[in-house]
Protein backbone atom coordinates (compact mmCIF):
# COMPACT_ATOMS: atom_id res chain seq x y z
CA MET A 1 13.97 -15.62 -20.26
CA VAL A 2 13.12 -15.15 -16.80
CA LEU A 3 12.27 -11.98 -15.25
CA GLU A 4 13.20 -10.24 -12.07
CA LYS A 5 10.57 -10.21 -9.35
CA THR A 6 10.50 -6.08 -9.00
CA HIS A 7 7.34 -5.77 -6.75
CA LYS A 8 5.80 -7.64 -3.27
CA LEU A 9 2.26 -7.55 -2.52
CA ILE A 10 1.39 -6.65 1.38
CA LEU A 11 -1.29 -8.09 3.56
CA PHE A 12 -2.05 -5.19 6.41
CA ASN A 13 -3.32 -5.95 9.64
CA ASP A 14 -6.94 -4.88 9.94
CA ASN A 15 -9.81 -5.49 12.94
CA GLU A 16 -12.52 -5.44 10.28
CA ASN A 17 -11.71 -9.21 8.61
CA ASP A 18 -11.42 -12.47 10.29
CA TYR A 19 -8.87 -15.41 9.95
CA LEU A 20 -11.07 -17.12 7.96
CA LEU A 21 -11.91 -14.61 5.18
CA VAL A 22 -8.25 -13.76 4.88
CA ILE A 23 -6.93 -17.57 4.66
CA ALA A 24 -9.68 -18.15 2.20
CA CYS A 25 -8.71 -15.43 -0.10
CA LEU A 26 -5.14 -16.19 0.34
CA MET A 27 -6.06 -19.61 -1.01
CA ARG A 28 -7.98 -18.65 -3.88
CA PHE A 29 -6.42 -15.71 -5.31
CA CYS A 30 -2.40 -16.04 -4.54
CA ASP A 31 -2.53 -20.01 -4.52
CA HIS A 32 -1.66 -20.37 -1.12
CA ALA A 33 -1.83 -23.73 0.67
CA SER A 34 -4.11 -23.72 3.60
CA ASP A 35 -0.95 -23.49 5.96
CA GLN A 36 1.00 -20.95 3.99
CA ALA A 37 -1.97 -18.58 4.46
CA GLU A 38 -3.04 -19.57 7.97
CA GLN A 39 0.80 -18.69 8.56
CA CYS A 40 0.33 -15.23 6.34
CA ALA A 41 -2.23 -14.15 8.64
CA VAL A 42 -1.05 -14.41 11.60
CA ILE A 43 1.76 -13.10 10.61
CA ALA A 44 0.24 -10.10 9.60
CA HIS A 45 -1.99 -10.10 12.83
CA ASN A 46 1.35 -10.48 14.91
CA THR A 47 3.72 -7.81 13.26
CA GLY A 48 1.01 -5.57 11.10
CA LYS A 49 2.05 -6.85 7.77
CA CYS A 50 2.89 -9.52 6.09
CA GLN A 51 4.35 -10.19 2.29
CA ILE A 52 2.08 -12.44 0.44
CA TYR A 53 3.44 -12.61 -3.26
CA SER A 54 6.01 -11.06 -4.90
CA GLY A 55 7.13 -10.53 -9.07
CA GLN A 56 6.47 -8.31 -11.66
CA PHE A 57 4.08 -5.14 -11.06
CA ILE A 58 1.43 -6.25 -13.72
CA ASP A 59 1.17 -10.02 -12.69
CA MET A 60 0.09 -8.43 -9.37
CA LEU A 61 -2.25 -6.06 -10.06
CA GLU A 62 -5.01 -8.32 -10.56
CA THR A 63 -4.67 -10.14 -7.47
CA CYS A 64 -4.24 -7.06 -5.30
CA LYS A 65 -7.51 -5.24 -6.77
CA GLU A 66 -9.12 -8.64 -6.11
CA LEU A 67 -8.05 -8.90 -2.51
CA GLN A 68 -9.09 -5.26 -1.77
CA GLY A 69 -12.51 -6.29 -3.49
CA MET A 70 -12.89 -8.64 -0.95
CA GLY A 71 -11.88 -5.58 1.62
CA LEU A 72 -8.54 -7.29 2.47
CA LYS A 73 -5.85 -4.19 3.25
CA VAL A 74 -3.38 -4.91 0.74
CA GLU A 75 -0.67 -2.95 -1.41
CA ILE A 76 1.84 -2.93 -4.06
CA GLU A 77 5.02 -2.09 -2.92
CA GLU A 78 8.52 -2.05 -5.10
CA TYR A 79 11.30 -4.32 -3.98
CA GLU A 80 14.51 -2.45 -2.86
CA SER A 81 17.36 -1.87 -5.51
CA SER A 82 20.08 -4.15 -4.04
CA VAL A 83 22.61 -2.09 -6.53
CA HIS A 84 24.38 0.82 -5.05
């Protein structure tokens, strides 16, 4: 059984962390490739935020806590329902 993705983890831009730390954290905790992590860091910097992970809430909770522990500004958001 494949579970539907219900939540997304959002990285917010901040002026405290440099690109190298953000990239290293995304590679370590989100299993991003280096180019994917770099692209997410640039998107967050340019637009204010970037979705970095999606899935079930429980799967993202630990990753969210780890990234917050490293000083990154992240939060878990619900996907908007496509059912009207």
